[in-house]
PDB file of all heavy atoms in Angstrom:
ATOM      1  N   THR A   1    -163.360 113.909 -86.712  1.00  0.00           N
ATOM      2  CA  THR A   1    -162.439 112.785 -86.815  1.00  0.00           C
ATOM      3  C   THR A   1    -161.436 113.079 -87.921  1.00  0.00           C
ATOM      4  O   THR A   1    -161.816 113.578 -88.985  1.00  0.00           O
ATOM      5  CB  THR A   1    -163.201 111.486 -87.153  1.00  0.00           C
ATOM      6  OG1 THR A   1    -164.168 111.225 -86.134  1.00  0.00           O
ATOM      7  CG2 THR A   1    -162.254 110.301 -87.260  1.00  0.00           C
ATOM      8  N   ILE A   2    -160.167 112.789 -87.681  1.00  0.00           N
ATOM      9  CA  ILE A   2    -159.135 112.990 -88.691  1.00  0.00           C
ATOM     10  C   ILE A   2    -158.886 111.665 -89.399  1.00  0.00           C
ATOM     11  O   ILE A   2    -158.555 110.662 -88.766  1.00  0.00           O
ATOM     12  CB  ILE A   2    -157.819 113.504 -88.069  1.00  0.00           C
ATOM     13  CG1 ILE A   2    -158.072 114.753 -87.219  1.00  0.00           C
ATOM     14  CG2 ILE A   2    -156.795 113.776 -89.164  1.00  0.00           C
ATOM     15  CD1 ILE A   2    -158.593 115.935 -87.984  1.00  0.00           C
ATOM     16  N   ARG A   3    -159.091 111.646 -90.720  1.00  0.00           N
ATOM     17  CA  ARG A   3    -158.875 110.445 -91.533  1.00  0.00           C
ATOM     18  C   ARG A   3    -157.818 110.745 -92.593  1.00  0.00           C
ATOM     19  O   ARG A   3    -158.081 111.422 -93.580  1.00  0.00           O
ATOM     20  CB  ARG A   3    -160.183 110.009 -92.209  1.00  0.00           C
ATOM     21  CG  ARG A   3    -161.314 109.655 -91.256  1.00  0.00           C
ATOM     22  CD  ARG A   3    -161.025 108.387 -90.502  1.00  0.00           C
ATOM     23  NE  ARG A   3    -162.147 107.978 -89.656  1.00  0.00           N
ATOM     24  CZ  ARG A   3    -162.092 107.000 -88.762  1.00  0.00           C
ATOM     25  NH1 ARG A   3    -160.954 106.327 -88.594  1.00  0.00           N
ATOM     26  NH2 ARG A   3    -163.139 106.686 -88.038  1.00  0.00           N
ATOM     27  N   HIS A   4    -156.604 110.265 -92.368  1.00  0.00           N
ATOM     28  CA  HIS A   4    -155.506 110.546 -93.290  1.00  0.00           C
ATOM     29  C   HIS A   4    -155.593 109.676 -94.541  1.00  0.00           C
ATOM     30  O   HIS A   4    -155.988 108.510 -94.479  1.00  0.00           O
ATOM     31  CB  HIS A   4    -154.162 110.306 -92.605  1.00  0.00           C
ATOM     32  CG  HIS A   4    -153.894 111.217 -91.455  1.00  0.00           C
ATOM     33  ND1 HIS A   4    -154.018 110.818 -90.144  1.00  0.00           N
ATOM     34  CD2 HIS A   4    -153.527 112.514 -91.415  1.00  0.00           C
ATOM     35  CE1 HIS A   4    -153.722 111.839 -89.343  1.00  0.00           C
ATOM     36  NE2 HIS A   4    -153.422 112.875 -90.094  1.00  0.00           N
ATOM     37  N   LEU A   5    -155.203 110.300 -95.658  1.00  0.00           N
ATOM     38  CA  LEU A   5    -155.107 109.579 -96.922  1.00  0.00           C
ATOM     39  C   LEU A   5    -153.703 109.776 -97.471  1.00  0.00           C
ATOM     40  O   LEU A   5    -153.220 110.910 -97.560  1.00  0.00           O
ATOM     41  CB  LEU A   5    -156.130 110.107 -97.931  1.00  0.00           C
ATOM     42  CG  LEU A   5    -157.603 109.962 -97.544  1.00  0.00           C
ATOM     43  CD1 LEU A   5    -158.485 110.658 -98.570  1.00  0.00           C
ATOM     44  CD2 LEU A   5    -157.989 108.489 -97.420  1.00  0.00           C
ATOM     45  N   GLY A   6    -153.049 108.684 -97.835  1.00  0.00           N
ATOM     46  CA  GLY A   6    -151.682 108.770 -98.331  1.00  0.00           C
ATOM     47  C   GLY A   6    -151.600 108.490 -99.820  1.00  0.00           C
ATOM     48  O   GLY A   6    -151.945 107.402-100.278  1.00  0.00           O
ATOM     49  N   MET A   7    -151.163 109.522-100.563  1.00  0.00           N
ATOM     50  CA  MET A   7    -150.929 109.362-102.004  1.00  0.00           C
ATOM     51  C   MET A   7    -149.677 110.137-102.380  1.00  0.00           C
ATOM     52  O   MET A   7    -149.421 111.190-101.815  1.00  0.00           O
ATOM     53  CB  MET A   7    -152.109 109.911-102.815  1.00  0.00           C
ATOM     54  CG  MET A   7    -153.348 109.044-102.829  1.00  0.00           C
ATOM     55  SD  MET A   7    -154.701 109.836-103.753  1.00  0.00           S
ATOM     56  CE  MET A   7    -155.607 110.595-102.418  1.00  0.00           C
ATOM     57  N   TYR A   8    -148.919 109.608-103.314  1.00  0.00           N
ATOM     58  CA  TYR A   8    -147.828 110.394-103.878  1.00  0.00           C
ATOM     59  C   TYR A   8    -147.969 110.385-105.393  1.00  0.00           C
ATOM     60  O   TYR A   8    -148.598 109.499-105.976  1.00  0.00           O
ATOM     61  CB  TYR A   8    -146.450 109.875-103.458  1.00  0.00           C
ATOM     62  CG  TYR A   8    -146.061 108.523-103.988  1.00  0.00           C
ATOM     63  CD1 TYR A   8    -145.387 108.386-105.205  1.00  0.00           C
ATOM     64  CD2 TYR A   8    -146.335 107.358-103.264  1.00  0.00           C
ATOM     65  CE1 TYR A   8    -145.017 107.153-105.690  1.00  0.00           C
ATOM     66  CE2 TYR A   8    -145.967 106.117-103.748  1.00  0.00           C
ATOM     67  CZ  TYR A   8    -145.315 106.018-104.950  1.00  0.00           C
ATOM     68  OH  TYR A   8    -144.964 104.788-105.436  1.00  0.00           O
ATOM     69  N   ARG A   9    -147.388 111.397-106.032  1.00  0.00           N
ATOM     70  CA  ARG A   9    -147.560 111.560-107.469  1.00  0.00           C
ATOM     71  C   ARG A   9    -146.430 110.906-108.235  1.00  0.00           C
ATOM     72  O   ARG A   9    -145.259 111.151-107.961  1.00  0.00           O
ATOM     73  CB  ARG A   9    -147.621 113.058-107.815  1.00  0.00           C
ATOM     74  CG  ARG A   9    -147.869 113.323-109.290  1.00  0.00           C
ATOM     75  CD  ARG A   9    -148.089 114.790-109.567  1.00  0.00           C
ATOM     76  NE  ARG A   9    -146.906 115.602-109.278  1.00  0.00           N
ATOM     77  CZ  ARG A   9    -146.841 116.910-109.507  1.00  0.00           C
ATOM     78  NH1 ARG A   9    -147.884 117.546-109.984  1.00  0.00           N
ATOM     79  NH2 ARG A   9    -145.740 117.575-109.227  1.00  0.00           N
ATOM     80  N   ASP A  10    -146.787 110.045-109.191  1.00  0.00           N
ATOM     81  CA  ASP A  10    -145.799 109.490-110.106  1.00  0.00           C
ATOM     82  C   ASP A  10    -145.310 110.634-110.992  1.00  0.00           C
ATOM     83  O   ASP A  10    -146.096 111.269-111.705  1.00  0.00           O
ATOM     84  CB  ASP A  10    -146.442 108.390-110.967  1.00  0.00           C
ATOM     85  CG  ASP A  10    -145.432 107.686-111.857  1.00  0.00           C
ATOM     86  OD1 ASP A  10    -144.838 108.372-112.729  1.00  0.00           O
ATOM     87  OD2 ASP A  10    -145.256 106.475-111.711  1.00  0.00           O
ATOM     88  N   GLU A  11    -144.031 110.940-110.930  1.00  0.00           N
ATOM     89  CA  GLU A  11    -143.492 112.106-111.624  1.00  0.00           C
ATOM     90  C   GLU A  11    -143.525 111.972-113.146  1.00  0.00           C
ATOM     91  O   GLU A  11    -143.443 112.982-113.858  1.00  0.00           O
ATOM     92  CB  GLU A  11    -142.053 112.376-111.159  1.00  0.00           C
ATOM     93  CG  GLU A  11    -141.942 112.761-109.692  1.00  0.00           C
ATOM     94  CD  GLU A  11    -142.754 114.007-109.343  1.00  0.00           C
ATOM     95  OE1 GLU A  11    -142.885 114.905-110.210  1.00  0.00           O
ATOM     96  OE2 GLU A  11    -143.282 114.080-108.220  1.00  0.00           O
ATOM     97  N   LYS A  12    -143.698 110.751-113.663  1.00  0.00           N
ATOM     98  CA  LYS A  12    -143.786 110.574-115.114  1.00  0.00           C
ATOM     99  C   LYS A  12    -145.224 110.675-115.608  1.00  0.00           C
ATOM    100  O   LYS A  12    -145.508 111.357-116.598  1.00  0.00           O
ATOM    101  CB  LYS A  12    -143.184 109.216-115.506  1.00  0.00           C
ATOM    102  CG  LYS A  12    -141.679 109.132-115.303  1.00  0.00           C
ATOM    103  CD  LYS A  12    -141.141 107.803-115.791  1.00  0.00           C
ATOM    104  CE  LYS A  12    -139.615 107.733-115.629  1.00  0.00           C
ATOM    105  NZ  LYS A  12    -139.065 106.426-116.093  1.00  0.00           N
ATOM    106  N   THR A  13    -146.151 110.006-114.923  1.00  0.00           N
ATOM    107  CA  THR A  13    -147.545 109.990-115.377  1.00  0.00           C
ATOM    108  C   THR A  13    -148.387 111.075-114.720  1.00  0.00           C
ATOM    109  O   THR A  13    -149.480 111.377-115.191  1.00  0.00           O
ATOM    110  CB  THR A  13    -148.188 108.630-115.063  1.00  0.00           C
ATOM    111  OG1 THR A  13    -148.278 108.461-113.635  1.00  0.00           O
ATOM    112  CG2 THR A  13    -147.374 107.490-115.657  1.00  0.00           C
ATOM    113  N   LEU A  14    -147.880 111.648-113.604  1.00  0.00           N
ATOM    114  CA  LEU A  14    -148.605 112.636-112.782  1.00  0.00           C
ATOM    115  C   LEU A  14    -149.863 112.038-112.160  1.00  0.00           C
ATOM    116  O   LEU A  14    -150.742 112.763-111.716  1.00  0.00           O
ATOM    117  CB  LEU A  14    -148.957 113.890-113.604  1.00  0.00           C
ATOM    118  CG  LEU A  14    -147.783 114.624-114.262  1.00  0.00           C
ATOM    119  CD1 LEU A  14    -148.268 115.889-114.956  1.00  0.00           C
ATOM    120  CD2 LEU A  14    -146.699 114.959-113.244  1.00  0.00           C
ATOM    121  N   LYS A  15    -149.942 110.699-112.123  1.00  0.00           N
ATOM    122  CA  LYS A  15    -151.081 110.022-111.515  1.00  0.00           C
ATOM    123  C   LYS A  15    -150.771 109.704-110.055  1.00  0.00           C
ATOM    124  O   LYS A  15    -149.619 109.468-109.678  1.00  0.00           O
ATOM    125  CB  LYS A  15    -151.393 108.719-112.259  1.00  0.00           C
ATOM    126  CG  LYS A  15    -151.771 108.926-113.724  1.00  0.00           C
ATOM    127  CD  LYS A  15    -153.097 109.630-113.870  1.00  0.00           C
ATOM    128  CE  LYS A  15    -153.511 109.720-115.340  1.00  0.00           C
ATOM    129  NZ  LYS A  15    -154.802 110.427-115.516  1.00  0.00           N
ATOM    130  N   PRO A  16    -151.815 109.674-109.188  1.00  0.00           N
ATOM    131  CA  PRO A  16    -151.571 109.370-107.778  1.00  0.00           C
ATOM    132  C   PRO A  16    -151.373 107.880-107.529  1.00  0.00           C
ATOM    133  O   PRO A  16    -151.993 107.047-108.192  1.00  0.00           O
ATOM    134  CB  PRO A  16    -152.858 109.868-107.098  1.00  0.00           C
ATOM    135  CG  PRO A  16    -153.922 109.700-108.142  1.00  0.00           C
ATOM    136  CD  PRO A  16    -153.235 109.979-109.458  1.00  0.00           C
ATOM    137  N   ILE A  17    -150.500 107.574-106.598  1.00  0.00           N
ATOM    138  CA  ILE A  17    -150.280 106.195-106.173  1.00  0.00           C
ATOM    139  C   ILE A  17    -150.621 106.120-104.685  1.00  0.00           C
ATOM    140  O   ILE A  17    -150.015 106.812-103.862  1.00  0.00           O
ATOM    141  CB  ILE A  17    -148.826 105.748-106.420  1.00  0.00           C
ATOM    142  CG1 ILE A  17    -148.521 105.802-107.930  1.00  0.00           C
ATOM    143  CG2 ILE A  17    -148.580 104.352-105.871  1.00  0.00           C
ATOM    144  CD1 ILE A  17    -147.089 105.498-108.279  1.00  0.00           C
ATOM    145  N   TRP A  18    -151.600 105.277-104.340  1.00  0.00           N
ATOM    146  CA  TRP A  18    -152.031 105.147-102.945  1.00  0.00           C
ATOM    147  C   TRP A  18    -151.005 104.363-102.132  1.00  0.00           C
ATOM    148  O   TRP A  18    -150.441 103.383-102.612  1.00  0.00           O
ATOM    149  CB  TRP A  18    -153.362 104.402-102.868  1.00  0.00           C
ATOM    150  CG  TRP A  18    -154.561 105.204-103.273  1.00  0.00           C
ATOM    151  CD1 TRP A  18    -155.027 105.407-104.540  1.00  0.00           C
ATOM    152  CD2 TRP A  18    -155.457 105.900-102.402  1.00  0.00           C
ATOM    153  NE1 TRP A  18    -156.155 106.185-104.517  1.00  0.00           N
ATOM    154  CE2 TRP A  18    -156.456 106.499-103.216  1.00  0.00           C
ATOM    155  CE3 TRP A  18    -155.519 106.063-101.018  1.00  0.00           C
ATOM    156  CZ2 TRP A  18    -157.495 107.256-102.691  1.00  0.00           C
ATOM    157  CZ3 TRP A  18    -156.557 106.813-100.487  1.00  0.00           C
ATOM    158  CH2 TRP A  18    -157.526 107.404-101.316  1.00  0.00           C
ATOM    159  N   TYR A  19    -150.782 104.811-100.901  1.00  0.00           N
ATOM    160  CA  TYR A  19    -149.962 104.016 -99.988  1.00  0.00           C
ATOM    161  C   TYR A  19    -150.530 103.976 -98.577  1.00  0.00           C
ATOM    162  O   TYR A  19    -150.030 103.247 -97.723  1.00  0.00           O
ATOM    163  CB  TYR A  19    -148.511 104.524 -99.954  1.00  0.00           C
ATOM    164  CG  TYR A  19    -148.330 105.912 -99.363  1.00  0.00           C
ATOM    165  CD1 TYR A  19    -148.118 106.088 -97.997  1.00  0.00           C
ATOM    166  CD2 TYR A  19    -148.352 107.034-100.175  1.00  0.00           C
ATOM    167  CE1 TYR A  19    -147.952 107.356 -97.459  1.00  0.00           C
ATOM    168  CE2 TYR A  19    -148.176 108.306 -99.647  1.00  0.00           C
ATOM    169  CZ  TYR A  19    -147.970 108.462 -98.286  1.00  0.00           C
ATOM    170  OH  TYR A  19    -147.809 109.716 -97.753  1.00  0.00           O
ATOM    171  N   TYR A  20    -151.609 104.743 -98.308  1.00  0.00           N
ATOM    172  CA  TYR A  20    -152.176 104.762 -96.955  1.00  0.00           C
ATOM    173  C   TYR A  20    -153.629 105.197 -97.035  1.00  0.00           C
ATOM    174  O   TYR A  20    -153.959 106.150 -97.741  1.00  0.00           O
ATOM    175  CB  TYR A  20    -151.390 105.734 -96.076  1.00  0.00           C
ATOM    176  CG  TYR A  20    -151.747 105.689 -94.602  1.00  0.00           C
ATOM    177  CD1 TYR A  20    -151.297 104.661 -93.787  1.00  0.00           C
ATOM    178  CD2 TYR A  20    -152.533 106.679 -94.027  1.00  0.00           C
ATOM    179  CE1 TYR A  20    -151.611 104.621 -92.435  1.00  0.00           C
ATOM    180  CE2 TYR A  20    -152.850 106.654 -92.683  1.00  0.00           C
ATOM    181  CZ  TYR A  20    -152.385 105.621 -91.893  1.00  0.00           C
ATOM    182  OH  TYR A  20    -152.701 105.594 -90.555  1.00  0.00           O
ATOM    183  N   ASN A  21    -154.495 104.484 -96.309  1.00  0.00           N
ATOM    184  CA  ASN A  21    -155.923 104.817 -96.279  1.00  0.00           C
ATOM    185  C   ASN A  21    -156.454 104.541 -94.881  1.00  0.00           C
ATOM    186  O   ASN A  21    -156.565 103.392 -94.462  1.00  0.00           O
ATOM    187  CB  ASN A  21    -156.674 103.979 -97.315  1.00  0.00           C
ATOM    188  CG  ASN A  21    -158.167 104.288 -97.348  1.00  0.00           C
ATOM    189  OD1 ASN A  21    -158.686 105.013 -96.507  1.00  0.00           O
ATOM    190  ND2 ASN A  21    -158.863 103.729 -98.322  1.00  0.00           N
ATOM    191  N   LYS A  22    -156.770 105.605 -94.139  1.00  0.00           N
ATOM    192  CA  LYS A  22    -157.244 105.468 -92.766  1.00  0.00           C
ATOM    193  C   LYS A  22    -158.763 105.670 -92.680  1.00  0.00           C
ATOM    194  O   LYS A  22    -159.309 105.970 -91.629  1.00  0.00           O
ATOM    195  CB  LYS A  22    -156.524 106.510 -91.873  1.00  0.00           C
ATOM    196  CG  LYS A  22    -156.642 106.247 -90.371  1.00  0.00           C
ATOM    197  CD  LYS A  22    -156.085 104.907 -89.951  1.00  0.00           C
ATOM    198  CE  LYS A  22    -156.167 104.725 -88.432  1.00  0.00           C
ATOM    199  NZ  LYS A  22    -155.736 103.396 -88.006  1.00  0.00           N
ATOM    200  N   VAL A  23    -159.454 105.467 -93.792  1.00  0.00           N
ATOM    201  CA  VAL A  23    -160.911 105.618 -93.812  1.00  0.00           C
ATOM    202  C   VAL A  23    -161.546 104.241 -93.642  1.00  0.00           C
ATOM    203  O   VAL A  23    -161.218 103.315 -94.385  1.00  0.00           O
ATOM    204  CB  VAL A  23    -161.384 106.255 -95.134  1.00  0.00           C
ATOM    205  CG1 VAL A  23    -162.895 106.391 -95.154  1.00  0.00           C
ATOM    206  CG2 VAL A  23    -160.718 107.613 -95.315  1.00  0.00           C
ATOM    207  N   PRO A  24    -162.459 104.073 -92.654  1.00  0.00           N
ATOM    208  CA  PRO A  24    -163.087 102.765 -92.439  1.00  0.00           C
ATOM    209  C   PRO A  24    -163.967 102.359 -93.617  1.00  0.00           C
ATOM    210  O   PRO A  24    -164.346 103.185 -94.449  1.00  0.00           O
ATOM    211  CB  PRO A  24    -163.921 102.981 -91.166  1.00  0.00           C
ATOM    212  CG  PRO A  24    -164.148 104.453 -91.097  1.00  0.00           C
ATOM    213  CD  PRO A  24    -162.943 105.090 -91.719  1.00  0.00           C
TER     214      PRO A  24
END
């Protein structure tokens, strides 16, 4: 099963920001 996870990196803090979670 393919479960996508969406995160992008805050360019100032280098911390991930979630925007998508396809995990039940």
